[in-house]
Amino acid sequence: HLRVHILPFPWINECRVQELLQEGLARSQ
């Protein structure tokens, strides 16, 4: 846990998340 080379968690693209949710809802219906 003390190592410096750990990369930060990437930012989430909110638009892409919404697209994926809409696709999943369309498939499940």
mmCIF file of all heavy atoms, coordinates in Angstrom:
data_MODEL
# 
_entry.id   MODEL 
# 
loop_
_atom_site.group_PDB 
_atom_site.id 
_atom_site.type_symbol 
_atom_site.label_atom_id 
_atom_site.label_alt_id 
_atom_site.label_comp_id 
_atom_site.label_asym_id 
_atom_site.label_entity_id 
_atom_site.label_seq_id 
_atom_site.pdbx_PDB_ins_code 
_atom_site.Cartn_x 
_atom_site.Cartn_y 
_atom_site.Cartn_z 
_atom_site.occupancy 
_atom_site.B_iso_or_equiv 
_atom_site.pdbx_formal_charge 
_atom_site.auth_seq_id 
_atom_site.auth_comp_id 
_atom_site.auth_asym_id 
_atom_site.auth_atom_id 
_atom_site.pdbx_PDB_model_num 
ATOM 1   N N   . HIS A 1 1  ? 0.809   -1.212 0.000   1.00 0.00 ? 1  HIS A N   1 
ATOM 2   C CA  . HIS A 1 1  ? 0.000   0.000  0.000   1.00 0.00 ? 1  HIS A CA  1 
ATOM 3   C C   . HIS A 1 1  ? 0.850   1.273  0.000   1.00 0.00 ? 1  HIS A C   1 
ATOM 4   O O   . HIS A 1 1  ? 0.363   2.356  -0.258  1.00 0.00 ? 1  HIS A O   1 
ATOM 5   C CB  . HIS A 1 1  ? -0.945  -0.003 1.206   1.00 0.00 ? 1  HIS A CB  1 
ATOM 6   C CG  . HIS A 1 1  ? -0.231  0.029  2.523   1.00 0.00 ? 1  HIS A CG  1 
ATOM 7   N ND1 . HIS A 1 1  ? 0.379   -1.092 3.052   1.00 0.00 ? 1  HIS A ND1 1 
ATOM 8   C CD2 . HIS A 1 1  ? -0.009  1.035  3.385   1.00 0.00 ? 1  HIS A CD2 1 
ATOM 9   C CE1 . HIS A 1 1  ? 0.927   -0.783 4.206   1.00 0.00 ? 1  HIS A CE1 1 
ATOM 10  N NE2 . HIS A 1 1  ? 0.711   0.507  4.435   1.00 0.00 ? 1  HIS A NE2 1 
ATOM 11  N N   . LEU A 1 2  ? 2.152   1.137  0.273   1.00 0.00 ? 2  LEU A N   1 
ATOM 12  C CA  . LEU A 1 2  ? 3.041   2.301  0.314   1.00 0.00 ? 2  LEU A CA  1 
ATOM 13  C C   . LEU A 1 2  ? 3.684   2.590  -1.044  1.00 0.00 ? 2  LEU A C   1 
ATOM 14  O O   . LEU A 1 2  ? 4.379   3.589  -1.184  1.00 0.00 ? 2  LEU A O   1 
ATOM 15  C CB  . LEU A 1 2  ? 4.135   2.073  1.362   1.00 0.00 ? 2  LEU A CB  1 
ATOM 16  C CG  . LEU A 1 2  ? 3.626   1.875  2.804   1.00 0.00 ? 2  LEU A CG  1 
ATOM 17  C CD1 . LEU A 1 2  ? 4.783   1.497  3.714   1.00 0.00 ? 2  LEU A CD1 1 
ATOM 18  C CD2 . LEU A 1 2  ? 2.922   3.116  3.294   1.00 0.00 ? 2  LEU A CD2 1 
ATOM 19  N N   . ARG A 1 3  ? 3.482   1.741  -2.005  1.00 0.00 ? 3  ARG A N   1 
ATOM 20  C CA  . ARG A 1 3  ? 4.133   1.911  -3.297  1.00 0.00 ? 3  ARG A CA  1 
ATOM 21  C C   . ARG A 1 3  ? 3.591   3.135  -4.031  1.00 0.00 ? 3  ARG A C   1 
ATOM 22  O O   . ARG A 1 3  ? 2.392   3.425  -3.988  1.00 0.00 ? 3  ARG A O   1 
ATOM 23  C CB  . ARG A 1 3  ? 3.951   0.664  -4.153  1.00 0.00 ? 3  ARG A CB  1 
ATOM 24  C CG  . ARG A 1 3  ? 4.689   -0.504 -3.548  1.00 0.00 ? 3  ARG A CG  1 
ATOM 25  C CD  . ARG A 1 3  ? 4.772   -1.645 -4.533  1.00 0.00 ? 3  ARG A CD  1 
ATOM 26  N NE  . ARG A 1 3  ? 5.408   -2.760 -3.857  1.00 0.00 ? 3  ARG A NE  1 
ATOM 27  C CZ  . ARG A 1 3  ? 4.887   -3.960 -3.759  1.00 0.00 ? 3  ARG A CZ  1 
ATOM 28  N NH1 . ARG A 1 3  ? 3.757   -4.236 -4.335  1.00 0.00 ? 3  ARG A NH1 1 
ATOM 29  N NH2 . ARG A 1 3  ? 5.521   -4.909 -3.112  1.00 0.00 ? 3  ARG A NH2 1 
ATOM 30  N N   . VAL A 1 4  ? 4.448   3.806  -4.752  1.00 0.00 ? 4  VAL A N   1 
ATOM 31  C CA  . VAL A 1 4  ? 4.096   5.052  -5.413  1.00 0.00 ? 4  VAL A CA  1 
ATOM 32  C C   . VAL A 1 4  ? 3.522   4.820  -6.808  1.00 0.00 ? 4  VAL A C   1 
ATOM 33  O O   . VAL A 1 4  ? 2.745   5.619  -7.301  1.00 0.00 ? 4  VAL A O   1 
ATOM 34  C CB  . VAL A 1 4  ? 5.354   5.953  -5.532  1.00 0.00 ? 4  VAL A CB  1 
ATOM 35  C CG1 . VAL A 1 4  ? 4.978   7.334  -6.019  1.00 0.00 ? 4  VAL A CG1 1 
ATOM 36  C CG2 . VAL A 1 4  ? 6.081   6.034  -4.214  1.00 0.00 ? 4  VAL A CG2 1 
ATOM 37  N N   . HIS A 1 5  ? 3.816   3.700  -7.433  1.00 0.00 ? 5  HIS A N   1 
ATOM 38  C CA  . HIS A 1 5  ? 3.434   3.486  -8.818  1.00 0.00 ? 5  HIS A CA  1 
ATOM 39  C C   . HIS A 1 5  ? 1.971   3.081  -9.021  1.00 0.00 ? 5  HIS A C   1 
ATOM 40  O O   . HIS A 1 5  ? 1.579   2.720  -10.118 1.00 0.00 ? 5  HIS A O   1 
ATOM 41  C CB  . HIS A 1 5  ? 4.356   2.443  -9.462  1.00 0.00 ? 5  HIS A CB  1 
ATOM 42  C CG  . HIS A 1 5  ? 4.165   1.071  -8.896  1.00 0.00 ? 5  HIS A CG  1 
ATOM 43  N ND1 . HIS A 1 5  ? 4.772   0.672  -7.750  1.00 0.00 ? 5  HIS A ND1 1 
ATOM 44  C CD2 . HIS A 1 5  ? 3.426   0.018  -9.332  1.00 0.00 ? 5  HIS A CD2 1 
ATOM 45  C CE1 . HIS A 1 5  ? 4.429   -0.577 -7.474  1.00 0.00 ? 5  HIS A CE1 1 
ATOM 46  N NE2 . HIS A 1 5  ? 3.616   -0.987 -8.428  1.00 0.00 ? 5  HIS A NE2 1 
ATOM 47  N N   . ILE A 1 6  ? 1.150   3.144  -8.004  1.00 0.00 ? 6  ILE A N   1 
ATOM 48  C CA  . ILE A 1 6  ? -0.256  2.798  -8.151  1.00 0.00 ? 6  ILE A CA  1 
ATOM 49  C C   . ILE A 1 6  ? -0.951  3.921  -8.903  1.00 0.00 ? 6  ILE A C   1 
ATOM 50  O O   . ILE A 1 6  ? -0.880  5.080  -8.531  1.00 0.00 ? 6  ILE A O   1 
ATOM 51  C CB  . ILE A 1 6  ? -0.916  2.579  -6.778  1.00 0.00 ? 6  ILE A CB  1 
ATOM 52  C CG1 . ILE A 1 6  ? -0.249  1.406  -6.064  1.00 0.00 ? 6  ILE A CG1 1 
ATOM 53  C CG2 . ILE A 1 6  ? -2.415  2.351  -6.936  1.00 0.00 ? 6  ILE A CG2 1 
ATOM 54  C CD1 . ILE A 1 6  ? -0.770  1.166  -4.669  1.00 0.00 ? 6  ILE A CD1 1 
ATOM 55  N N   . LEU A 1 7  ? -1.620  3.571  -9.981  1.00 0.00 ? 7  LEU A N   1 
ATOM 56  C CA  . LEU A 1 7  ? -2.306  4.549  -10.813 1.00 0.00 ? 7  LEU A CA  1 
ATOM 57  C C   . LEU A 1 7  ? -3.620  4.958  -10.166 1.00 0.00 ? 7  LEU A C   1 
ATOM 58  O O   . LEU A 1 7  ? -4.307  4.128  -9.562  1.00 0.00 ? 7  LEU A O   1 
ATOM 59  C CB  . LEU A 1 7  ? -2.574  3.962  -12.199 1.00 0.00 ? 7  LEU A CB  1 
ATOM 60  C CG  . LEU A 1 7  ? -1.344  3.557  -13.003 1.00 0.00 ? 7  LEU A CG  1 
ATOM 61  C CD1 . LEU A 1 7  ? -1.768  2.861  -14.281 1.00 0.00 ? 7  LEU A CD1 1 
ATOM 62  C CD2 . LEU A 1 7  ? -0.492  4.763  -13.300 1.00 0.00 ? 7  LEU A CD2 1 
ATOM 63  N N   . PRO A 1 8  ? -4.008  6.215  -10.300 1.00 0.00 ? 8  PRO A N   1 
ATOM 64  C CA  . PRO A 1 8  ? -5.295  6.647  -9.744  1.00 0.00 ? 8  PRO A CA  1 
ATOM 65  C C   . PRO A 1 8  ? -6.440  6.032  -10.534 1.00 0.00 ? 8  PRO A C   1 
ATOM 66  O O   . PRO A 1 8  ? -6.296  5.682  -11.701 1.00 0.00 ? 8  PRO A O   1 
ATOM 67  C CB  . PRO A 1 8  ? -5.267  8.169  -9.910  1.00 0.00 ? 8  PRO A CB  1 
ATOM 68  C CG  . PRO A 1 8  ? -4.296  8.417  -11.011 1.00 0.00 ? 8  PRO A CG  1 
ATOM 69  C CD  . PRO A 1 8  ? -3.296  7.303  -10.968 1.00 0.00 ? 8  PRO A CD  1 
ATOM 70  N N   . PHE A 1 9  ? -7.583  5.918  -9.896  1.00 0.00 ? 9  PHE A N   1 
ATOM 71  C CA  . PHE A 1 9  ? -8.772  5.358  -10.535 1.00 0.00 ? 9  PHE A CA  1 
ATOM 72  C C   . PHE A 1 9  ? -9.207  6.287  -11.655 1.00 0.00 ? 9  PHE A C   1 
ATOM 73  O O   . PHE A 1 9  ? -9.276  7.509  -11.476 1.00 0.00 ? 9  PHE A O   1 
ATOM 74  C CB  . PHE A 1 9  ? -9.886  5.191  -9.497  1.00 0.00 ? 9  PHE A CB  1 
ATOM 75  C CG  . PHE A 1 9  ? -11.031 4.365  -9.971  1.00 0.00 ? 9  PHE A CG  1 
ATOM 76  C CD1 . PHE A 1 9  ? -10.923 2.984  -9.998  1.00 0.00 ? 9  PHE A CD1 1 
ATOM 77  C CD2 . PHE A 1 9  ? -12.204 4.952  -10.408 1.00 0.00 ? 9  PHE A CD2 1 
ATOM 78  C CE1 . PHE A 1 9  ? -11.964 2.204  -10.444 1.00 0.00 ? 9  PHE A CE1 1 
ATOM 79  C CE2 . PHE A 1 9  ? -13.253 4.179  -10.861 1.00 0.00 ? 9  PHE A CE2 1 
ATOM 80  C CZ  . PHE A 1 9  ? -13.134 2.796  -10.875 1.00 0.00 ? 9  PHE A CZ  1 
ATOM 81  N N   . PRO A 1 10 ? -9.495  5.769  -12.851 1.00 0.00 ? 10 PRO A N   1 
ATOM 82  C CA  . PRO A 1 10 ? -9.839  6.639  -13.982 1.00 0.00 ? 10 PRO A CA  1 
ATOM 83  C C   . PRO A 1 10 ? -11.200 7.310  -13.776 1.00 0.00 ? 10 PRO A C   1 
ATOM 84  O O   . PRO A 1 10 ? -12.066 6.786  -13.088 1.00 0.00 ? 10 PRO A O   1 
ATOM 85  C CB  . PRO A 1 10 ? -9.871  5.681  -15.171 1.00 0.00 ? 10 PRO A CB  1 
ATOM 86  C CG  . PRO A 1 10 ? -10.131 4.354  -14.574 1.00 0.00 ? 10 PRO A CG  1 
ATOM 87  C CD  . PRO A 1 10 ? -9.498  4.362  -13.216 1.00 0.00 ? 10 PRO A CD  1 
ATOM 88  N N   . TRP A 1 11 ? -11.366 8.451  -14.417 1.00 0.00 ? 11 TRP A N   1 
ATOM 89  C CA  . TRP A 1 11 ? -12.625 9.180  -14.355 1.00 0.00 ? 11 TRP A CA  1 
ATOM 90  C C   . TRP A 1 11 ? -13.686 8.425  -15.146 1.00 0.00 ? 11 TRP A C   1 
ATOM 91  O O   . TRP A 1 11 ? -13.400 7.828  -16.170 1.00 0.00 ? 11 TRP A O   1 
ATOM 92  C CB  . TRP A 1 11 ? -12.463 10.589 -14.919 1.00 0.00 ? 11 TRP A CB  1 
ATOM 93  C CG  . TRP A 1 11 ? -11.642 11.454 -14.010 1.00 0.00 ? 11 TRP A CG  1 
ATOM 94  C CD1 . TRP A 1 11 ? -10.325 11.718 -14.121 1.00 0.00 ? 11 TRP A CD1 1 
ATOM 95  C CD2 . TRP A 1 11 ? -12.096 12.119 -12.846 1.00 0.00 ? 11 TRP A CD2 1 
ATOM 96  N NE1 . TRP A 1 11 ? -9.888  12.507 -13.100 1.00 0.00 ? 11 TRP A NE1 1 
ATOM 97  C CE2 . TRP A 1 11 ? -10.977 12.782 -12.288 1.00 0.00 ? 11 TRP A CE2 1 
ATOM 98  C CE3 . TRP A 1 11 ? -13.318 12.232 -12.197 1.00 0.00 ? 11 TRP A CE3 1 
ATOM 99  C CZ2 . TRP A 1 11 ? -11.053 13.535 -11.127 1.00 0.00 ? 11 TRP A CZ2 1 
ATOM 100 C CZ3 . TRP A 1 11 ? -13.393 12.989 -11.045 1.00 0.00 ? 11 TRP A CZ3 1 
ATOM 101 C CH2 . TRP A 1 11 ? -12.278 13.630 -10.529 1.00 0.00 ? 11 TRP A CH2 1 
ATOM 102 N N   . ILE A 1 12 ? -14.906 8.476  -14.660 1.00 0.00 ? 12 ILE A N   1 
ATOM 103 C CA  . ILE A 1 12 ? -16.003 7.787  -15.323 1.00 0.00 ? 12 ILE A CA  1 
ATOM 104 C C   . ILE A 1 12 ? -16.693 8.757  -16.280 1.00 0.00 ? 12 ILE A C   1 
ATOM 105 O O   . ILE A 1 12 ? -17.015 9.885  -15.914 1.00 0.00 ? 12 ILE A O   1 
ATOM 106 C CB  . ILE A 1 12 ? -17.010 7.248  -14.290 1.00 0.00 ? 12 ILE A CB  1 
ATOM 107 C CG1 . ILE A 1 12 ? -16.318 6.203  -13.407 1.00 0.00 ? 12 ILE A CG1 1 
ATOM 108 C CG2 . ILE A 1 12 ? -18.243 6.667  -14.963 1.00 0.00 ? 12 ILE A CG2 1 
ATOM 109 C CD1 . ILE A 1 12 ? -17.178 5.678  -12.298 1.00 0.00 ? 12 ILE A CD1 1 
ATOM 110 N N   . ASN A 1 13 ? -16.931 8.289  -17.497 1.00 0.00 ? 13 ASN A N   1 
ATOM 111 C CA  . ASN A 1 13 ? -17.619 9.078  -18.497 1.00 0.00 ? 13 ASN A CA  1 
ATOM 112 C C   . ASN A 1 13 ? -19.124 8.906  -18.279 1.00 0.00 ? 13 ASN A C   1 
ATOM 113 O O   . ASN A 1 13 ? -19.702 7.853  -18.563 1.00 0.00 ? 13 ASN A O   1 
ATOM 114 C CB  . ASN A 1 13 ? -17.213 8.608  -19.899 1.00 0.00 ? 13 ASN A CB  1 
ATOM 115 C CG  . ASN A 1 13 ? -17.827 9.434  -20.990 1.00 0.00 ? 13 ASN A CG  1 
ATOM 116 O OD1 . ASN A 1 13 ? -18.763 10.197 -20.769 1.00 0.00 ? 13 ASN A OD1 1 
ATOM 117 N ND2 . ASN A 1 13 ? -17.297 9.275  -22.187 1.00 0.00 ? 13 ASN A ND2 1 
ATOM 118 N N   . GLU A 1 14 ? -19.774 9.950  -17.766 1.00 0.00 ? 14 GLU A N   1 
ATOM 119 C CA  . GLU A 1 14 ? -21.190 9.870  -17.412 1.00 0.00 ? 14 GLU A CA  1 
ATOM 120 C C   . GLU A 1 14 ? -22.078 9.603  -18.635 1.00 0.00 ? 14 GLU A C   1 
ATOM 121 O O   . GLU A 1 14 ? -23.068 8.877  -18.545 1.00 0.00 ? 14 GLU A O   1 
ATOM 122 C CB  . GLU A 1 14 ? -21.631 11.161 -16.726 1.00 0.00 ? 14 GLU A CB  1 
ATOM 123 C CG  . GLU A 1 14 ? -21.024 11.331 -15.351 1.00 0.00 ? 14 GLU A CG  1 
ATOM 124 C CD  . GLU A 1 14 ? -21.508 12.607 -14.668 1.00 0.00 ? 14 GLU A CD  1 
ATOM 125 O OE1 . GLU A 1 14 ? -22.661 13.017 -14.896 1.00 0.00 ? 14 GLU A OE1 1 
ATOM 126 O OE2 . GLU A 1 14 ? -20.714 13.183 -13.915 1.00 0.00 ? 14 GLU A OE2 1 
ATOM 127 N N   . CYS A 1 15 ? -21.726 10.159 -19.750 1.00 0.00 ? 15 CYS A N   1 
ATOM 128 C CA  . CYS A 1 15 ? -22.521 9.933  -20.967 1.00 0.00 ? 15 CYS A CA  1 
ATOM 129 C C   . CYS A 1 15 ? -22.480 8.465  -21.382 1.00 0.00 ? 15 CYS A C   1 
ATOM 130 O O   . CYS A 1 15 ? -23.503 7.877  -21.761 1.00 0.00 ? 15 CYS A O   1 
ATOM 131 C CB  . CYS A 1 15 ? -22.001 10.814 -22.105 1.00 0.00 ? 15 CYS A CB  1 
ATOM 132 S SG  . CYS A 1 15 ? -22.258 12.573 -21.812 1.00 0.00 ? 15 CYS A SG  1 
ATOM 133 N N   . ARG A 1 16 ? -21.289 7.865  -21.304 1.00 0.00 ? 16 ARG A N   1 
ATOM 134 C CA  . ARG A 1 16 ? -21.140 6.450  -21.687 1.00 0.00 ? 16 ARG A CA  1 
ATOM 135 C C   . ARG A 1 16 ? -21.915 5.549  -20.721 1.00 0.00 ? 16 ARG A C   1 
ATOM 136 O O   . ARG A 1 16 ? -22.531 4.568  -21.145 1.00 0.00 ? 16 ARG A O   1 
ATOM 137 C CB  . ARG A 1 16 ? -19.652 6.074  -21.708 1.00 0.00 ? 16 ARG A CB  1 
ATOM 138 C CG  . ARG A 1 16 ? -19.392 4.659  -22.123 1.00 0.00 ? 16 ARG A CG  1 
ATOM 139 C CD  . ARG A 1 16 ? -19.815 4.407  -23.571 1.00 0.00 ? 16 ARG A CD  1 
ATOM 140 N NE  . ARG A 1 16 ? -19.580 3.017  -23.893 1.00 0.00 ? 16 ARG A NE  1 
ATOM 141 C CZ  . ARG A 1 16 ? -20.380 2.298  -24.664 1.00 0.00 ? 16 ARG A CZ  1 
ATOM 142 N NH1 . ARG A 1 16 ? -21.422 2.851  -25.244 1.00 0.00 ? 16 ARG A NH1 1 
ATOM 143 N NH2 . ARG A 1 16 ? -20.121 1.040  -24.894 1.00 0.00 ? 16 ARG A NH2 1 
ATOM 144 N N   . VAL A 1 17 ? -21.913 5.887  -19.434 1.00 0.00 ? 17 VAL A N   1 
ATOM 145 C CA  . VAL A 1 17 ? -22.663 5.111  -18.443 1.00 0.00 ? 17 VAL A CA  1 
ATOM 146 C C   . VAL A 1 17 ? -24.154 5.167  -18.772 1.00 0.00 ? 17 VAL A C   1 
ATOM 147 O O   . VAL A 1 17 ? -24.853 4.143  -18.748 1.00 0.00 ? 17 VAL A O   1 
ATOM 148 C CB  . VAL A 1 17 ? -22.386 5.632  -17.011 1.00 0.00 ? 17 VAL A CB  1 
ATOM 149 C CG1 . VAL A 1 17 ? -23.339 5.001  -16.006 1.00 0.00 ? 17 VAL A CG1 1 
ATOM 150 C CG2 . VAL A 1 17 ? -20.949 5.364  -16.615 1.00 0.00 ? 17 VAL A CG2 1 
ATOM 151 N N   . GLN A 1 18 ? -24.678 6.342  -19.103 1.00 0.00 ? 18 GLN A N   1 
ATOM 152 C CA  . GLN A 1 18 ? -26.089 6.486  -19.456 1.00 0.00 ? 18 GLN A CA  1 
ATOM 153 C C   . GLN A 1 18 ? -26.434 5.686  -20.718 1.00 0.00 ? 18 GLN A C   1 
ATOM 154 O O   . GLN A 1 18 ? -27.480 5.039  -20.781 1.00 0.00 ? 18 GLN A O   1 
ATOM 155 C CB  . GLN A 1 18 ? -26.452 7.968  -19.658 1.00 0.00 ? 18 GLN A CB  1 
ATOM 156 C CG  . GLN A 1 18 ? -26.542 8.746  -18.364 1.00 0.00 ? 18 GLN A CG  1 
ATOM 157 C CD  . GLN A 1 18 ? -27.593 8.167  -17.423 1.00 0.00 ? 18 GLN A CD  1 
ATOM 158 O OE1 . GLN A 1 18 ? -28.655 7.721  -17.835 1.00 0.00 ? 18 GLN A OE1 1 
ATOM 159 N NE2 . GLN A 1 18 ? -27.267 8.143  -16.137 1.00 0.00 ? 18 GLN A NE2 1 
ATOM 160 N N   . GLU A 1 19 ? -25.531 5.705  -21.697 1.00 0.00 ? 19 GLU A N   1 
ATOM 161 C CA  . GLU A 1 19 ? -25.754 4.929  -22.919 1.00 0.00 ? 19 GLU A CA  1 
ATOM 162 C C   . GLU A 1 19 ? -25.850 3.442  -22.612 1.00 0.00 ? 19 GLU A C   1 
ATOM 163 O O   . GLU A 1 19 ? -26.726 2.743  -23.121 1.00 0.00 ? 19 GLU A O   1 
ATOM 164 C CB  . GLU A 1 19 ? -24.609 5.173  -23.916 1.00 0.00 ? 19 GLU A CB  1 
ATOM 165 C CG  . GLU A 1 19 ? -24.614 6.530  -24.572 1.00 0.00 ? 19 GLU A CG  1 
ATOM 166 C CD  . GLU A 1 19 ? -23.368 6.731  -25.429 1.00 0.00 ? 19 GLU A CD  1 
ATOM 167 O OE1 . GLU A 1 19 ? -22.664 5.734  -25.734 1.00 0.00 ? 19 GLU A OE1 1 
ATOM 168 O OE2 . GLU A 1 19 ? -23.103 7.890  -25.785 1.00 0.00 ? 19 GLU A OE2 1 
ATOM 169 N N   . LEU A 1 20 ? -24.938 2.953  -21.781 1.00 0.00 ? 20 LEU A N   1 
ATOM 170 C CA  . LEU A 1 20 ? -24.933 1.532  -21.419 1.00 0.00 ? 20 LEU A CA  1 
ATOM 171 C C   . LEU A 1 20 ? -26.206 1.164  -20.658 1.00 0.00 ? 20 LEU A C   1 
ATOM 172 O O   . LEU A 1 20 ? -26.780 0.079  -20.876 1.00 0.00 ? 20 LEU A O   1 
ATOM 173 C CB  . LEU A 1 20 ? -23.694 1.184  -20.603 1.00 0.00 ? 20 LEU A CB  1 
ATOM 174 C CG  . LEU A 1 20 ? -22.367 1.217  -21.360 1.00 0.00 ? 20 LEU A CG  1 
ATOM 175 C CD1 . LEU A 1 20 ? -21.196 1.054  -20.391 1.00 0.00 ? 20 LEU A CD1 1 
ATOM 176 C CD2 . LEU A 1 20 ? -22.330 0.126  -22.407 1.00 0.00 ? 20 LEU A CD2 1 
ATOM 177 N N   . LEU A 1 21 ? -26.651 2.030  -19.762 1.00 0.00 ? 21 LEU A N   1 
ATOM 178 C CA  . LEU A 1 21 ? -27.885 1.767  -19.013 1.00 0.00 ? 21 LEU A CA  1 
ATOM 179 C C   . LEU A 1 21 ? -29.077 1.694  -19.953 1.00 0.00 ? 21 LEU A C   1 
ATOM 180 O O   . LEU A 1 21 ? -29.936 0.804  -19.828 1.00 0.00 ? 21 LEU A O   1 
ATOM 181 C CB  . LEU A 1 21 ? -28.115 2.852  -17.959 1.00 0.00 ? 21 LEU A CB  1 
ATOM 182 C CG  . LEU A 1 21 ? -27.234 2.790  -16.717 1.00 0.00 ? 21 LEU A CG  1 
ATOM 183 C CD1 . LEU A 1 21 ? -27.456 4.014  -15.855 1.00 0.00 ? 21 LEU A CD1 1 
ATOM 184 C CD2 . LEU A 1 21 ? -27.517 1.535  -15.930 1.00 0.00 ? 21 LEU A CD2 1 
ATOM 185 N N   . GLN A 1 22 ? -29.159 2.616  -20.895 1.00 0.00 ? 22 GLN A N   1 
ATOM 186 C CA  . GLN A 1 22 ? -30.269 2.622  -21.846 1.00 0.00 ? 22 GLN A CA  1 
ATOM 187 C C   . GLN A 1 22 ? -30.264 1.370  -22.718 1.00 0.00 ? 22 GLN A C   1 
ATOM 188 O O   . GLN A 1 22 ? -31.306 0.780  -22.978 1.00 0.00 ? 22 GLN A O   1 
ATOM 189 C CB  . GLN A 1 22 ? -30.218 3.893  -22.724 1.00 0.00 ? 22 GLN A CB  1 
ATOM 190 C CG  . GLN A 1 22 ? -30.445 5.181  -21.966 1.00 0.00 ? 22 GLN A CG  1 
ATOM 191 C CD  . GLN A 1 22 ? -31.782 5.203  -21.239 1.00 0.00 ? 22 GLN A CD  1 
ATOM 192 O OE1 . GLN A 1 22 ? -32.768 4.660  -21.715 1.00 0.00 ? 22 GLN A OE1 1 
ATOM 193 N NE2 . GLN A 1 22 ? -31.800 5.821  -20.066 1.00 0.00 ? 22 GLN A NE2 1 
ATOM 194 N N   . GLU A 1 23 ? -29.078 0.950  -23.169 1.00 0.00 ? 23 GLU A N   1 
ATOM 195 C CA  . GLU A 1 23 ? -28.969 -0.271 -23.976 1.00 0.00 ? 23 GLU A CA  1 
ATOM 196 C C   . GLU A 1 23 ? -29.430 -1.491 -23.177 1.00 0.00 ? 23 GLU A C   1 
ATOM 197 O O   . GLU A 1 23 ? -30.156 -2.353 -23.683 1.00 0.00 ? 23 GLU A O   1 
ATOM 198 C CB  . GLU A 1 23 ? -27.524 -0.481 -24.431 1.00 0.00 ? 23 GLU A CB  1 
ATOM 199 C CG  . GLU A 1 23 ? -27.067 0.453  -25.519 1.00 0.00 ? 23 GLU A CG  1 
ATOM 200 C CD  . GLU A 1 23 ? -25.583 0.250  -25.836 1.00 0.00 ? 23 GLU A CD  1 
ATOM 201 O OE1 . GLU A 1 23 ? -25.024 -0.823 -25.519 1.00 0.00 ? 23 GLU A OE1 1 
ATOM 202 O OE2 . GLU A 1 23 ? -24.982 1.180  -26.401 1.00 0.00 ? 23 GLU A OE2 1 
ATOM 203 N N   . GLY A 1 24 ? -28.995 -1.569 -21.927 1.00 0.00 ? 24 GLY A N   1 
ATOM 204 C CA  . GLY A 1 24 ? -29.389 -2.694 -21.072 1.00 0.00 ? 24 GLY A CA  1 
ATOM 205 C C   . GLY A 1 24 ? -30.882 -2.734 -20.823 1.00 0.00 ? 24 GLY A C   1 
ATOM 206 O O   . GLY A 1 24 ? -31.498 -3.805 -20.841 1.00 0.00 ? 24 GLY A O   1 
ATOM 207 N N   . LEU A 1 25 ? -31.492 -1.566 -20.590 1.00 0.00 ? 25 LEU A N   1 
ATOM 208 C CA  . LEU A 1 25 ? -32.944 -1.512 -20.381 1.00 0.00 ? 25 LEU A CA  1 
ATOM 209 C C   . LEU A 1 25 ? -33.693 -1.924 -21.637 1.00 0.00 ? 25 LEU A C   1 
ATOM 210 O O   . LEU A 1 25 ? -34.698 -2.647 -21.561 1.00 0.00 ? 25 LEU A O   1 
ATOM 211 C CB  . LEU A 1 25 ? -33.359 -0.099 -19.966 1.00 0.00 ? 25 LEU A CB  1 
ATOM 212 C CG  . LEU A 1 25 ? -33.065 0.288  -18.517 1.00 0.00 ? 25 LEU A CG  1 
ATOM 213 C CD1 . LEU A 1 25 ? -33.357 1.765  -18.292 1.00 0.00 ? 25 LEU A CD1 1 
ATOM 214 C CD2 . LEU A 1 25 ? -33.866 -0.570 -17.569 1.00 0.00 ? 25 LEU A CD2 1 
ATOM 215 N N   . ALA A 1 26 ? -33.220 -1.466 -22.785 1.00 0.00 ? 26 ALA A N   1 
ATOM 216 C CA  . ALA A 1 26 ? -33.877 -1.823 -24.044 1.00 0.00 ? 26 ALA A CA  1 
ATOM 217 C C   . ALA A 1 26 ? -33.811 -3.330 -24.276 1.00 0.00 ? 26 ALA A C   1 
ATOM 218 O O   . ALA A 1 26 ? -34.786 -3.949 -24.707 1.00 0.00 ? 26 ALA A O   1 
ATOM 219 C CB  . ALA A 1 26 ? -33.228 -1.071 -25.210 1.00 0.00 ? 26 ALA A CB  1 
ATOM 220 N N   . ARG A 1 27 ? -32.670 -3.941 -23.983 1.00 0.00 ? 27 ARG A N   1 
ATOM 221 C CA  . ARG A 1 27 ? -32.531 -5.395 -24.163 1.00 0.00 ? 27 ARG A CA  1 
ATOM 222 C C   . ARG A 1 27 ? -33.402 -6.154 -23.187 1.00 0.00 ? 27 ARG A C   1 
ATOM 223 O O   . ARG A 1 27 ? -34.016 -7.159 -23.527 1.00 0.00 ? 27 ARG A O   1 
ATOM 224 C CB  . ARG A 1 27 ? -31.080 -5.822 -23.980 1.00 0.00 ? 27 ARG A CB  1 
ATOM 225 C CG  . ARG A 1 27 ? -30.277 -5.761 -25.247 1.00 0.00 ? 27 ARG A CG  1 
ATOM 226 C CD  . ARG A 1 27 ? -28.930 -6.325 -24.998 1.00 0.00 ? 27 ARG A CD  1 
ATOM 227 N NE  . ARG A 1 27 ? -28.307 -5.433 -24.021 1.00 0.00 ? 27 ARG A NE  1 
ATOM 228 C CZ  . ARG A 1 27 ? -27.033 -5.335 -23.771 1.00 0.00 ? 27 ARG A CZ  1 
ATOM 229 N NH1 . ARG A 1 27 ? -26.200 -6.125 -24.378 1.00 0.00 ? 27 ARG A NH1 1 
ATOM 230 N NH2 . ARG A 1 27 ? -26.555 -4.493 -22.905 1.00 0.00 ? 27 ARG A NH2 1 
ATOM 231 N N   . SER A 1 28 ? -33.452 -5.699 -21.911 1.00 0.00 ? 28 SER A N   1 
ATOM 232 C CA  . SER A 1 28 ? -34.210 -6.439 -20.902 1.00 0.00 ? 28 SER A CA  1 
ATOM 233 C C   . SER A 1 28 ? -35.711 -6.354 -21.130 1.00 0.00 ? 28 SER A C   1 
ATOM 234 O O   . SER A 1 28 ? -36.443 -7.254 -20.762 1.00 0.00 ? 28 SER A O   1 
ATOM 235 C CB  . SER A 1 28 ? -33.859 -5.943 -19.499 1.00 0.00 ? 28 SER A CB  1 
ATOM 236 O OG  . SER A 1 28 ? -34.330 -4.630 -19.304 1.00 0.00 ? 28 SER A OG  1 
ATOM 237 N N   . GLN A 1 29 ? -36.192 -5.260 -21.748 1.00 0.00 ? 29 GLN A N   1 
ATOM 238 C CA  . GLN A 1 29 ? -37.622 -5.137 -22.006 1.00 0.00 ? 29 GLN A CA  1 
ATOM 239 C C   . GLN A 1 29 ? -38.074 -6.078 -23.118 1.00 0.00 ? 29 GLN A C   1 
ATOM 240 O O   . GLN A 1 29 ? -39.185 -6.573 -23.106 1.00 0.00 ? 29 GLN A O   1 
ATOM 241 C CB  . GLN A 1 29 ? -37.976 -3.699 -22.369 1.00 0.00 ? 29 GLN A CB  1 
ATOM 242 C CG  . GLN A 1 29 ? -37.887 -2.779 -21.180 1.00 0.00 ? 29 GLN A CG  1 
ATOM 243 C CD  . GLN A 1 29 ? -38.095 -1.318 -21.546 1.00 0.00 ? 29 GLN A CD  1 
ATOM 244 O OE1 . GLN A 1 29 ? -38.169 -0.985 -22.721 1.00 0.00 ? 29 GLN A OE1 1 
ATOM 245 N NE2 . GLN A 1 29 ? -38.192 -0.472 -20.539 1.00 0.00 ? 29 GLN A NE2 1 
# 
